PDB file of N, CA and C in Angstrom:
ATOM      1  N   MET A   1      -0.747 -29.871  33.459  1.00  0.00           N
ATOM      2  CA  MET A   1      -1.445 -31.070  33.041  1.00  0.00           C
ATOM      3  C   MET A   1      -0.962 -31.490  31.648  1.00  0.00           C
ATOM      4  N   PHE A   2      -0.734 -30.510  30.781  1.00  0.00           N
ATOM      5  CA  PHE A   2      -0.257 -30.837  29.436  1.00  0.00           C
ATOM      6  C   PHE A   2       1.101 -31.537  29.498  1.00  0.00           C
ATOM      7  N   ARG A   3       1.992 -31.034  30.324  1.00  0.00           N
ATOM      8  CA  ARG A   3       3.321 -31.649  30.450  1.00  0.00           C
ATOM      9  C   ARG A   3       3.204 -33.111  30.869  1.00  0.00           C
ATOM     10  N   LYS A   4       2.257 -33.384  31.739  1.00  0.00           N
ATOM     11  CA  LYS A   4       2.061 -34.745  32.243  1.00  0.00           C
ATOM     12  C   LYS A   4       1.659 -35.704  31.117  1.00  0.00           C
ATOM     13  N   TYR A   5       0.820 -35.254  30.209  1.00  0.00           N
ATOM     14  CA  TYR A   5       0.310 -36.125  29.149  1.00  0.00           C
ATOM     15  C   TYR A   5       1.072 -36.001  27.830  1.00  0.00           C
ATOM     16  N   SER A   6       2.055 -35.121  27.790  1.00  0.00           N
ATOM     17  CA  SER A   6       2.839 -34.969  26.560  1.00  0.00           C
ATOM     18  C   SER A   6       4.310 -35.333  26.780  1.00  0.00           C
ATOM     19  N   LYS A   7       4.575 -36.115  27.804  1.00  0.00           N
ATOM     20  CA  LYS A   7       5.946 -36.544  28.110  1.00  0.00           C
ATOM     21  C   LYS A   7       6.858 -35.358  28.399  1.00  0.00           C
ATOM     22  N   LYS A   8       6.347 -34.446  29.235  1.00  0.00           N
ATOM     23  CA  LYS A   8       7.091 -33.266  29.704  1.00  0.00           C
ATOM     24  C   LYS A   8       7.479 -32.286  28.598  1.00  0.00           C
ATOM     25  N   LYS A   9       6.718 -32.263  27.540  1.00  0.00           N
ATOM     26  CA  LYS A   9       6.980 -31.346  26.440  1.00  0.00           C
ATOM     27  C   LYS A   9       6.430 -29.959  26.777  1.00  0.00           C
ATOM     28  N   GLU A  10       7.085 -28.932  26.265  1.00  0.00           N
ATOM     29  CA  GLU A  10       6.643 -27.555  26.458  1.00  0.00           C
ATOM     30  C   GLU A  10       5.954 -27.073  25.184  1.00  0.00           C
ATOM     31  N   LEU A  11       4.879 -26.312  25.323  1.00  0.00           N
ATOM     32  CA  LEU A  11       4.228 -25.732  24.151  1.00  0.00           C
ATOM     33  C   LEU A  11       4.976 -24.509  23.662  1.00  0.00           C
ATOM     34  N   LYS A  12       5.423 -23.706  24.576  1.00  0.00           N
ATOM     35  CA  LYS A  12       6.067 -22.442  24.224  1.00  0.00           C
ATOM     36  C   LYS A  12       7.556 -22.562  24.472  1.00  0.00           C
ATOM     37  N   ARG A  13       8.334 -22.267  23.442  1.00  0.00           N
ATOM     38  CA  ARG A  13       9.782 -22.338  23.574  1.00  0.00           C
ATOM     39  C   ARG A  13      10.355 -20.936  23.426  1.00  0.00           C
ATOM     40  N   LEU A  14      11.019 -20.471  24.453  1.00  0.00           N
ATOM     41  CA  LEU A  14      11.661 -19.160  24.400  1.00  0.00           C
ATOM     42  C   LEU A  14      13.175 -19.357  24.358  1.00  0.00           C
ATOM     43  N   THR A  15      13.777 -18.842  23.307  1.00  0.00           N
ATOM     44  CA  THR A  15      15.228 -18.914  23.221  1.00  0.00           C
ATOM     45  C   THR A  15      15.745 -17.572  22.750  1.00  0.00           C
ATOM     46  N   GLY A  16      16.812 -17.136  23.355  1.00  0.00           N
ATOM     47  CA  GLY A  16      17.404 -15.858  22.980  1.00  0.00           C
ATOM     48  C   GLY A  16      18.052 -15.903  21.614  1.00  0.00           C
ATOM     49  N   VAL A  17      18.585 -17.074  21.250  1.00  0.00           N
ATOM     50  CA  VAL A  17      19.299 -17.197  19.987  1.00  0.00           C
ATOM     51  C   VAL A  17      18.356 -17.023  18.800  1.00  0.00           C
ATOM     52  N   THR A  18      17.156 -17.544  18.915  1.00  0.00           N
ATOM     53  CA  THR A  18      16.205 -17.480  17.804  1.00  0.00           C
ATOM     54  C   THR A  18      15.004 -16.622  18.171  1.00  0.00           C
ATOM     55  N   ARG A  19      15.251 -15.479  18.757  1.00  0.00           N
ATOM     56  CA  ARG A  19      14.158 -14.627  19.227  1.00  0.00           C
ATOM     57  C   ARG A  19      13.200 -14.235  18.108  1.00  0.00           C
ATOM     58  N   PHE A  20      13.699 -14.097  16.884  1.00  0.00           N
ATOM     59  CA  PHE A  20      12.832 -13.748  15.761  1.00  0.00           C
ATOM     60  C   PHE A  20      11.941 -14.914  15.361  1.00  0.00           C
ATOM     61  N   ALA A  21      12.309 -16.125  15.773  1.00  0.00           N
ATOM     62  CA  ALA A  21      11.565 -17.314  15.365  1.00  0.00           C
ATOM     63  C   ALA A  21      10.658 -17.852  16.461  1.00  0.00           C
ATOM     64  N   THR A  22      10.549 -17.173  17.591  1.00  0.00           N
ATOM     65  CA  THR A  22       9.754 -17.689  18.706  1.00  0.00           C
ATOM     66  C   THR A  22       8.302 -17.965  18.322  1.00  0.00           C
ATOM     67  N   PRO A  23       7.593 -17.053  17.637  1.00  0.00           N
ATOM     68  CA  PRO A  23       6.210 -17.378  17.246  1.00  0.00           C
ATOM     69  C   PRO A  23       6.149 -18.604  16.326  1.00  0.00           C
ATOM     70  N   PHE A  24       7.090 -18.706  15.407  1.00  0.00           N
ATOM     71  CA  PHE A  24       7.136 -19.857  14.509  1.00  0.00           C
ATOM     72  C   PHE A  24       7.340 -21.151  15.300  1.00  0.00           C
ATOM     73  N   LEU A  25       8.305 -21.150  16.207  1.00  0.00           N
ATOM     74  CA  LEU A  25       8.594 -22.345  16.990  1.00  0.00           C
ATOM     75  C   LEU A  25       7.429 -22.713  17.908  1.00  0.00           C
ATOM     76  N   THR A  26       6.756 -21.712  18.453  1.00  0.00           N
ATOM     77  CA  THR A  26       5.602 -21.972  19.316  1.00  0.00           C
ATOM     78  C   THR A  26       4.465 -22.612  18.521  1.00  0.00           C
ATOM     79  N   LEU A  27       4.156 -22.061  17.351  1.00  0.00           N
ATOM     80  CA  LEU A  27       3.093 -22.646  16.535  1.00  0.00           C
ATOM     81  C   LEU A  27       3.471 -24.034  16.037  1.00  0.00           C
ATOM     82  N   LYS A  28       4.729 -24.242  15.731  1.00  0.00           N
ATOM     83  CA  LYS A  28       5.182 -25.562  15.309  1.00  0.00           C
ATOM     84  C   LYS A  28       4.996 -26.567  16.444  1.00  0.00           C
ATOM     85  N   SER A  29       5.298 -26.144  17.659  1.00  0.00           N
ATOM     86  CA  SER A  29       5.127 -26.998  18.823  1.00  0.00           C
ATOM     87  C   SER A  29       3.647 -27.315  19.061  1.00  0.00           C
ATOM     88  N   ILE A  30       2.787 -26.317  18.901  1.00  0.00           N
ATOM     89  CA  ILE A  30       1.344 -26.544  19.059  1.00  0.00           C
ATOM     90  C   ILE A  30       0.854 -27.525  18.005  1.00  0.00           C
ATOM     91  N   ASP A  31       1.312 -27.349  16.776  1.00  0.00           N
ATOM     92  CA  ASP A  31       0.908 -28.252  15.702  1.00  0.00           C
ATOM     93  C   ASP A  31       1.368 -29.685  15.982  1.00  0.00           C
ATOM     94  N   GLU A  32       2.597 -29.834  16.445  1.00  0.00           N
ATOM     95  CA  GLU A  32       3.131 -31.159  16.753  1.00  0.00           C
ATOM     96  C   GLU A  32       2.421 -31.789  17.957  1.00  0.00           C
ATOM     97  N   SER A  33       1.811 -30.970  18.809  1.00  0.00           N
ATOM     98  CA  SER A  33       1.158 -31.446  20.024  1.00  0.00           C
ATOM     99  C   SER A  33      -0.356 -31.564  19.870  1.00  0.00           C
ATOM    100  N   LYS A  34      -0.843 -31.483  18.667  1.00  0.00           N
ATOM    101  CA  LYS A  34      -2.290 -31.481  18.416  1.00  0.00           C
ATOM    102  C   LYS A  34      -2.990 -32.668  19.090  1.00  0.00           C
ATOM    103  N   LEU A  35      -2.491 -33.863  18.886  1.00  0.00           N
ATOM    104  CA  LEU A  35      -3.139 -35.048  19.461  1.00  0.00           C
ATOM    105  C   LEU A  35      -3.063 -35.048  20.986  1.00  0.00           C
ATOM    106  N   ALA A  36      -1.924 -34.658  21.529  1.00  0.00           N
ATOM    107  CA  ALA A  36      -1.782 -34.614  22.990  1.00  0.00           C
ATOM    108  C   ALA A  36      -2.729 -33.580  23.601  1.00  0.00           C
ATOM    109  N   LEU A  37      -2.862 -32.435  22.947  1.00  0.00           N
ATOM    110  CA  LEU A  37      -3.777 -31.403  23.446  1.00  0.00           C
ATOM    111  C   LEU A  37      -5.220 -31.891  23.428  1.00  0.00           C
ATOM    112  N   ARG A  38      -5.614 -32.485  22.318  1.00  0.00           N
ATOM    113  CA  ARG A  38      -6.989 -32.983  22.207  1.00  0.00           C
ATOM    114  C   ARG A  38      -7.250 -34.100  23.208  1.00  0.00           C
ATOM    115  N   ALA A  39      -6.273 -34.986  23.397  1.00  0.00           N
ATOM    116  CA  ALA A  39      -6.431 -36.080  24.357  1.00  0.00           C
ATOM    117  C   ALA A  39      -6.562 -35.543  25.776  1.00  0.00           C
ATOM    118  N   MET A  40      -5.772 -34.534  26.102  1.00  0.00           N
ATOM    119  CA  MET A  40      -5.838 -33.944  27.433  1.00  0.00           C
ATOM    120  C   MET A  40      -7.225 -33.349  27.706  1.00  0.00           C
ATOM    121  N   LEU A  41      -7.793 -32.688  26.703  1.00  0.00           N
ATOM    122  CA  LEU A  41      -9.104 -32.061  26.887  1.00  0.00           C
ATOM    123  C   LEU A  41     -10.229 -33.082  27.029  1.00  0.00           C
ATOM    124  N   ALA A  42      -9.989 -34.304  26.595  1.00  0.00           N
ATOM    125  CA  ALA A  42     -11.008 -35.349  26.690  1.00  0.00           C
ATOM    126  C   ALA A  42     -10.961 -36.088  28.027  1.00  0.00           C
ATOM    127  N   LEU A  43      -9.967 -35.789  28.846  1.00  0.00           N
ATOM    128  CA  LEU A  43      -9.810 -36.499  30.114  1.00  0.00           C
ATOM    129  C   LEU A  43     -10.786 -36.012  31.177  1.00  0.00           C
ATOM    130  N   GLU A  44     -11.174 -36.926  32.046  1.00  0.00           N
ATOM    131  CA  GLU A  44     -12.020 -36.566  33.173  1.00  0.00           C
ATOM    132  C   GLU A  44     -11.262 -35.633  34.122  1.00  0.00           C
ATOM    133  N   GLU A  45      -9.952 -35.839  34.201  1.00  0.00           N
ATOM    134  CA  GLU A  45      -9.116 -34.983  35.050  1.00  0.00           C
ATOM    135  C   GLU A  45      -9.212 -33.517  34.606  1.00  0.00           C
ATOM    136  N   TRP A  46      -9.274 -33.281  33.302  1.00  0.00           N
ATOM    137  CA  TRP A  46      -9.434 -31.921  32.794  1.00  0.00           C
ATOM    138  C   TRP A  46     -10.803 -31.365  33.178  1.00  0.00           C
ATOM    139  N   ALA A  47     -11.825 -32.183  33.061  1.00  0.00           N
ATOM    140  CA  ALA A  47     -13.183 -31.735  33.393  1.00  0.00           C
ATOM    141  C   ALA A  47     -13.292 -31.340  34.871  1.00  0.00           C
ATOM    142  N   ARG A  48     -12.533 -31.996  35.725  1.00  0.00           N
ATOM    143  CA  ARG A  48     -12.561 -31.679  37.158  1.00  0.00           C
ATOM    144  C   ARG A  48     -11.648 -30.516  37.517  1.00  0.00           C
ATOM    145  N   CYS A  49     -10.765 -30.155  36.634  1.00  0.00           N
ATOM    146  CA  CYS A  49      -9.813 -29.085  36.880  1.00  0.00           C
ATOM    147  C   CYS A  49     -10.551 -27.748  37.014  1.00  0.00           C
ATOM    148  N   PRO A  50     -10.195 -26.928  37.992  1.00  0.00           N
ATOM    149  CA  PRO A  50     -10.894 -25.645  38.173  1.00  0.00           C
ATOM    150  C   PRO A  50     -10.751 -24.712  36.963  1.00  0.00           C
ATOM    151  N   TYR A  51      -9.676 -24.847  36.204  1.00  0.00           N
ATOM    152  CA  TYR A  51      -9.477 -23.989  35.038  1.00  0.00           C
ATOM    153  C   TYR A  51     -10.436 -24.331  33.903  1.00  0.00           C
ATOM    154  N   SER A  52     -10.892 -25.573  33.839  1.00  0.00           N
ATOM    155  CA  SER A  52     -11.714 -25.998  32.705  1.00  0.00           C
ATOM    156  C   SER A  52     -13.071 -25.304  32.649  1.00  0.00           C
ATOM    157  N   SER A  53     -13.518 -24.770  33.759  1.00  0.00           N
ATOM    158  CA  SER A  53     -14.834 -24.124  33.778  1.00  0.00           C
ATOM    159  C   SER A  53     -14.769 -22.640  33.428  1.00  0.00           C
ATOM    160  N   LYS A  54     -13.571 -22.113  33.283  1.00  0.00           N
ATOM    161  CA  LYS A  54     -13.430 -20.692  32.934  1.00  0.00           C
ATOM    162  C   LYS A  54     -13.794 -20.465  31.471  1.00  0.00           C
ATOM    163  N   MET A  55     -14.291 -19.274  31.182  1.00  0.00           N
ATOM    164  CA  MET A  55     -14.724 -18.926  29.826  1.00  0.00           C
ATOM    165  C   MET A  55     -13.584 -19.060  28.817  1.00  0.00           C
ATOM    166  N   GLU A  56     -12.382 -18.619  29.211  1.00  0.00           N
ATOM    167  CA  GLU A  56     -11.234 -18.695  28.304  1.00  0.00           C
ATOM    168  C   GLU A  56     -10.925 -20.146  27.953  1.00  0.00           C
ATOM    169  N   ALA A  57     -11.002 -21.030  28.941  1.00  0.00           N
ATOM    170  CA  ALA A  57     -10.732 -22.452  28.709  1.00  0.00           C
ATOM    171  C   ALA A  57     -11.779 -23.052  27.773  1.00  0.00           C
ATOM    172  N   LYS A  58     -13.020 -22.654  27.938  1.00  0.00           N
ATOM    173  CA  LYS A  58     -14.086 -23.158  27.049  1.00  0.00           C
ATOM    174  C   LYS A  58     -13.826 -22.728  25.604  1.00  0.00           C
ATOM    175  N   LYS A  59     -13.385 -21.486  25.416  1.00  0.00           N
ATOM    176  CA  LYS A  59     -13.075 -20.997  24.066  1.00  0.00           C
ATOM    177  C   LYS A  59     -11.919 -21.781  23.453  1.00  0.00           C
ATOM    178  N   VAL A  60     -10.896 -22.028  24.256  1.00  0.00           N
ATOM    179  CA  VAL A  60      -9.746 -22.795  23.777  1.00  0.00           C
ATOM    180  C   VAL A  60     -10.163 -24.215  23.420  1.00  0.00           C
ATOM    181  N   GLU A  61     -11.011 -24.821  24.232  1.00  0.00           N
ATOM    182  CA  GLU A  61     -11.515 -26.171  23.946  1.00  0.00           C
ATOM    183  C   GLU A  61     -12.201 -26.216  22.584  1.00  0.00           C
ATOM    184  N   VAL A  62     -13.067 -25.265  22.331  1.00  0.00           N
ATOM    185  CA  VAL A  62     -13.788 -25.227  21.055  1.00  0.00           C
ATOM    186  C   VAL A  62     -12.807 -25.100  19.894  1.00  0.00           C
ATOM    187  N   ILE A  63     -11.825 -24.232  20.044  1.00  0.00           N
ATOM    188  CA  ILE A  63     -10.844 -24.030  18.970  1.00  0.00           C
ATOM    189  C   ILE A  63     -10.044 -25.305  18.734  1.00  0.00           C
ATOM    190  N   LEU A  64      -9.513 -25.901  19.805  1.00  0.00           N
ATOM    191  CA  LEU A  64      -8.646 -27.064  19.654  1.00  0.00           C
ATOM    192  C   LEU A  64      -9.393 -28.307  19.197  1.00  0.00           C
ATOM    193  N   LEU A  65     -10.628 -28.460  19.629  1.00  0.00           N
ATOM    194  CA  LEU A  65     -11.371 -29.676  19.304  1.00  0.00           C
ATOM    195  C   LEU A  65     -12.210 -29.568  18.032  1.00  0.00           C
ATOM    196  N   LEU A  66     -12.720 -28.384  17.728  1.00  0.00           N
ATOM    197  CA  LEU A  66     -13.701 -28.284  16.648  1.00  0.00           C
ATOM    198  C   LEU A  66     -13.309 -27.400  15.475  1.00  0.00           C
ATOM    199  N   ASP A  67     -12.334 -26.551  15.652  1.00  0.00           N
ATOM    200  CA  ASP A  67     -12.035 -25.549  14.628  1.00  0.00           C
ATOM    201  C   ASP A  67     -10.936 -26.030  13.674  1.00  0.00           C
ATOM    202  N   ASP A  68     -11.342 -26.664  12.581  1.00  0.00           N
ATOM    203  CA  ASP A  68     -10.368 -27.134  11.584  1.00  0.00           C
ATOM    204  C   ASP A  68      -9.670 -25.971  10.897  1.00  0.00           C
ATOM    205  N   LYS A  69     -10.344 -24.841  10.804  1.00  0.00           N
ATOM    206  CA  LYS A  69      -9.739 -23.657  10.185  1.00  0.00           C
ATOM    207  C   LYS A  69      -8.492 -23.224  10.968  1.00  0.00           C
ATOM    208  N   PHE A  70      -8.540 -23.323  12.287  1.00  0.00           N
ATOM    209  CA  PHE A  70      -7.401 -22.985  13.137  1.00  0.00           C
ATOM    210  C   PHE A  70      -6.202 -23.857  12.781  1.00  0.00           C
ATOM    211  N   TRP A  71      -6.412 -25.167  12.694  1.00  0.00           N
ATOM    212  CA  TRP A  71      -5.319 -26.093  12.400  1.00  0.00           C
ATOM    213  C   TRP A  71      -4.805 -25.901  10.974  1.00  0.00           C
ATOM    214  N   LYS A  72      -5.686 -25.636  10.038  1.00  0.00           N
ATOM    215  CA  LYS A  72      -5.256 -25.381   8.658  1.00  0.00           C
ATOM    216  C   LYS A  72      -4.455 -24.077   8.575  1.00  0.00           C
ATOM    217  N   SER A  73      -4.851 -23.085   9.341  1.00  0.00           N
ATOM    218  CA  SER A  73      -4.128 -21.808   9.361  1.00  0.00           C
ATOM    219  C   SER A  73      -2.717 -21.986   9.903  1.00  0.00           C
ATOM    220  N   ILE A  74      -2.587 -22.805  10.934  1.00  0.00           N
ATOM    221  CA  ILE A  74      -1.251 -23.072  11.479  1.00  0.00           C
ATOM    222  C   ILE A  74      -0.385 -23.744  10.424  1.00  0.00           C
ATOM    223  N   LYS A  75      -0.925 -24.758   9.760  1.00  0.00           N
ATOM    224  CA  LYS A  75      -0.171 -25.463   8.702  1.00  0.00           C
ATOM    225  C   LYS A  75       0.255 -24.492   7.612  1.00  0.00           C
ATOM    226  N   HIS A  76      -0.661 -23.623   7.197  1.00  0.00           N
ATOM    227  CA  HIS A  76      -0.372 -22.647   6.142  1.00  0.00           C
ATOM    228  C   HIS A  76       0.729 -21.684   6.585  1.00  0.00           C
ATOM    229  N   TYR A  77       0.629 -21.180   7.797  1.00  0.00           N
ATOM    230  CA  TYR A  77       1.639 -20.264   8.325  1.00  0.00           C
ATOM    231  C   TYR A  77       3.008 -20.947   8.365  1.00  0.00           C
ATOM    232  N   LEU A  78       3.055 -22.162   8.885  1.00  0.00           N
ATOM    233  CA  LEU A  78       4.326 -22.877   8.994  1.00  0.00           C
ATOM    234  C   LEU A  78       4.946 -23.117   7.621  1.00  0.00           C
ATOM    235  N   LYS A  79       4.109 -23.458   6.671  1.00  0.00           N
ATOM    236  CA  LYS A  79       4.598 -23.715   5.314  1.00  0.00           C
ATOM    237  C   LYS A  79       5.168 -22.441   4.684  1.00  0.00           C
ATOM    238  N   CYS A  80       4.515 -21.309   4.906  1.00  0.00           N
ATOM    239  CA  CYS A  80       4.974 -20.040   4.334  1.00  0.00           C
ATOM    240  C   CYS A  80       6.155 -19.444   5.096  1.00  0.00           C
ATOM    241  N   ALA A  81       6.146 -19.577   6.406  1.00  0.00           N
ATOM    242  CA  ALA A  81       7.174 -18.931   7.219  1.00  0.00           C
ATOM    243  C   ALA A  81       8.483 -19.717   7.257  1.00  0.00           C
ATOM    244  N   SER A  82       8.418 -21.007   7.051  1.00  0.00           N
ATOM    245  CA  SER A  82       9.620 -21.836   7.150  1.00  0.00           C
ATOM    246  C   SER A  82      10.761 -21.358   6.245  1.00  0.00           C
ATOM    247  N   PRO A  83      10.515 -21.070   4.960  1.00  0.00           N
ATOM    248  CA  PRO A  83      11.607 -20.572   4.121  1.00  0.00           C
ATOM    249  C   PRO A  83      12.171 -19.228   4.608  1.00  0.00           C
ATOM    250  N   LEU A  84      11.310 -18.372   5.127  1.00  0.00           N
ATOM    251  CA  LEU A  84      11.784 -17.083   5.650  1.00  0.00           C
ATOM    252  C   LEU A  84      12.639 -17.265   6.898  1.00  0.00           C
ATOM    253  N   ILE A  85      12.251 -18.180   7.752  1.00  0.00           N
ATOM    254  CA  ILE A  85      13.014 -18.455   8.970  1.00  0.00           C
ATOM    255  C   ILE A  85      14.418 -18.945   8.599  1.00  0.00           C
ATOM    256  N   LYS A  86      14.506 -19.778   7.571  1.00  0.00           N
ATOM    257  CA  LYS A  86      15.819 -20.267   7.130  1.00  0.00           C
ATOM    258  C   LYS A  86      16.710 -19.110   6.676  1.00  0.00           C
ATOM    259  N   VAL A  87      16.140 -18.171   5.940  1.00  0.00           N
ATOM    260  CA  VAL A  87      16.917 -17.013   5.480  1.00  0.00           C
ATOM    261  C   VAL A  87      17.329 -16.156   6.676  1.00  0.00           C
ATOM    262  N   LEU A  88      16.418 -15.932   7.607  1.00  0.00           N
ATOM    263  CA  LEU A  88      16.742 -15.127   8.790  1.00  0.00           C
ATOM    264  C   LEU A  88      17.835 -15.774   9.635  1.00  0.00           C
ATOM    265  N   ARG A  89      17.794 -17.091   9.756  1.00  0.00           N
ATOM    266  CA  ARG A  89      18.853 -17.782  10.501  1.00  0.00           C
ATOM    267  C   ARG A  89      20.199 -17.600   9.809  1.00  0.00           C
ATOM    268  N   LEU A  90      20.177 -17.652   8.494  1.00  0.00           N
ATOM    269  CA  LEU A  90      21.404 -17.468   7.720  1.00  0.00           C
ATOM    270  C   LEU A  90      21.986 -16.076   7.969  1.00  0.00           C
ATOM    271  N   VAL A  91      21.148 -15.072   7.894  1.00  0.00           N
ATOM    272  CA  VAL A  91      21.591 -13.690   8.053  1.00  0.00           C
ATOM    273  C   VAL A  91      21.958 -13.386   9.505  1.00  0.00           C
ATOM    274  N   ASP A  92      21.255 -13.987  10.452  1.00  0.00           N
ATOM    275  CA  ASP A  92      21.455 -13.704  11.869  1.00  0.00           C
ATOM    276  C   ASP A  92      22.605 -14.504  12.482  1.00  0.00           C
ATOM    277  N   GLY A  93      23.160 -15.432  11.731  1.00  0.00           N
ATOM    278  CA  GLY A  93      24.216 -16.282  12.261  1.00  0.00           C
ATOM    279  C   GLY A  93      25.502 -15.528  12.541  1.00  0.00           C
ATOM    280  N   ASP A  94      26.425 -16.203  13.210  1.00  0.00           N
ATOM    281  CA  ASP A  94      27.724 -15.605  13.552  1.00  0.00           C
ATOM    282  C   ASP A  94      28.589 -15.382  12.321  1.00  0.00           C
ATOM    283  N   ALA A  95      28.519 -16.305  11.381  1.00  0.00           N
ATOM    284  CA  ALA A  95      29.309 -16.159  10.150  1.00  0.00           C
ATOM    285  C   ALA A  95      28.624 -15.156   9.235  1.00  0.00           C
ATOM    286  N   ASN A  96      29.412 -14.390   8.514  1.00  0.00           N
ATOM    287  CA  ASN A  96      28.866 -13.421   7.571  1.00  0.00           C
ATOM    288  C   ASN A  96      28.872 -14.033   6.174  1.00  0.00           C
ATOM    289  N   PRO A  97      27.722 -14.529   5.709  1.00  0.00           N
ATOM    290  CA  PRO A  97      27.690 -15.134   4.382  1.00  0.00           C
ATOM    291  C   PRO A  97      27.829 -14.070   3.290  1.00  0.00           C
ATOM    292  N   ALA A  98      28.338 -14.489   2.155  1.00  0.00           N
ATOM    293  CA  ALA A  98      28.468 -13.575   1.018  1.00  0.00           C
ATOM    294  C   ALA A  98      27.082 -13.125   0.579  1.00  0.00           C
ATOM    295  N   MET A  99      26.997 -11.888   0.082  1.00  0.00           N
ATOM    296  CA  MET A  99      25.702 -11.330  -0.329  1.00  0.00           C
ATOM    297  C   MET A  99      25.039 -12.183  -1.403  1.00  0.00           C
ATOM    298  N   GLY A 100      25.827 -12.730  -2.296  1.00  0.00           N
ATOM    299  CA  GLY A 100      25.257 -13.588  -3.331  1.00  0.00           C
ATOM    300  C   GLY A 100      24.555 -14.792  -2.739  1.00  0.00           C
ATOM    301  N   TYR A 101      25.130 -15.335  -1.690  1.00  0.00           N
ATOM    302  CA  TYR A 101      24.536 -16.483  -1.008  1.00  0.00           C
ATOM    303  C   TYR A 101      23.223 -16.084  -0.339  1.00  0.00           C
ATOM    304  N   VAL A 102      23.198 -14.901   0.254  1.00  0.00           N
ATOM    305  CA  VAL A 102      21.976 -14.406   0.901  1.00  0.00           C
ATOM    306  C   VAL A 102      20.886 -14.165  -0.143  1.00  0.00           C
ATOM    307  N   TYR A 103      21.242 -13.539  -1.268  1.00  0.00           N
ATOM    308  CA  TYR A 103      20.259 -13.296  -2.322  1.00  0.00           C
ATOM    309  C   TYR A 103      19.724 -14.607  -2.895  1.00  0.00           C
ATOM    310  N   GLU A 104      20.592 -15.591  -3.044  1.00  0.00           N
ATOM    311  CA  GLU A 104      20.152 -16.901  -3.534  1.00  0.00           C
ATOM    312  C   GLU A 104      19.165 -17.539  -2.557  1.00  0.00           C
ATOM    313  N   ALA A 105      19.474 -17.457  -1.278  1.00  0.00           N
ATOM    314  CA  ALA A 105      18.582 -18.005  -0.252  1.00  0.00           C
ATOM    315  C   ALA A 105      17.243 -17.268  -0.257  1.00  0.00           C
ATOM    316  N   LYS A 106      17.293 -15.952  -0.434  1.00  0.00           N
ATOM    317  CA  LYS A 106      16.067 -15.144  -0.477  1.00  0.00           C
ATOM    318  C   LYS A 106      15.215 -15.533  -1.689  1.00  0.00           C
ATOM    319  N   ASP A 107      15.861 -15.705  -2.846  1.00  0.00           N
ATOM    320  CA  ASP A 107      15.131 -16.092  -4.057  1.00  0.00           C
ATOM    321  C   ASP A 107      14.519 -17.489  -3.908  1.00  0.00           C
ATOM    322  N   ARG A 108      15.271 -18.410  -3.308  1.00  0.00           N
ATOM    323  CA  ARG A 108      14.735 -19.757  -3.065  1.00  0.00           C
ATOM    324  C   ARG A 108      13.528 -19.697  -2.138  1.00  0.00           C
ATOM    325  N   ALA A 109      13.603 -18.857  -1.110  1.00  0.00           N
ATOM    326  CA  ALA A 109      12.483 -18.708  -0.173  1.00  0.00           C
ATOM    327  C   ALA A 109      11.252 -18.157  -0.897  1.00  0.00           C
ATOM    328  N   LYS A 110      11.436 -17.176  -1.760  1.00  0.00           N
ATOM    329  CA  LYS A 110      10.304 -16.614  -2.507  1.00  0.00           C
ATOM    330  C   LYS A 110       9.658 -17.679  -3.377  1.00  0.00           C
ATOM    331  N   GLU A 111      10.455 -18.510  -4.029  1.00  0.00           N
ATOM    332  CA  GLU A 111       9.916 -19.583  -4.874  1.00  0.00           C
ATOM    333  C   GLU A 111       9.142 -20.597  -4.045  1.00  0.00           C
ATOM    334  N   GLN A 112       9.698 -20.965  -2.901  1.00  0.00           N
ATOM    335  CA  GLN A 112       9.026 -21.942  -2.037  1.00  0.00           C
ATOM    336  C   GLN A 112       7.697 -21.418  -1.517  1.00  0.00           C
ATOM    337  N   ILE A 113       7.670 -20.141  -1.170  1.00  0.00           N
ATOM    338  CA  ILE A 113       6.423 -19.552  -0.661  1.00  0.00           C
ATOM    339  C   ILE A 113       5.372 -19.476  -1.772  1.00  0.00           C
ATOM    340  N   ALA A 114       5.821 -19.098  -2.970  1.00  0.00           N
ATOM    341  CA  ALA A 114       4.886 -19.010  -4.094  1.00  0.00           C
ATOM    342  C   ALA A 114       4.331 -20.377  -4.410  1.00  0.00           C
TER     343      ALA A 114
END
């Protein structure tokens, strides 16, 4: 149902190349899909869906619709993790960057997080 209302977008992205970044990419996708998720939960089609009456679905509804702390936590995580992901991509890449370049990237990431 989410794919239908989000223009065939996926919430969870699994890629072998960025396996260390999968949680980051998944949360980024959830954050970018906030409006689509909330809109989907407001539909009559969702209310008629057999999954909507399950306890787990009710908990998710409350979190997505009412829990601002959840959305703020995602924003905070993305802001803090983004500089680290950049450093990990640099180190995990095919090219072997000079150690000085890696240390510079690490120091920049620490400053951005602080």
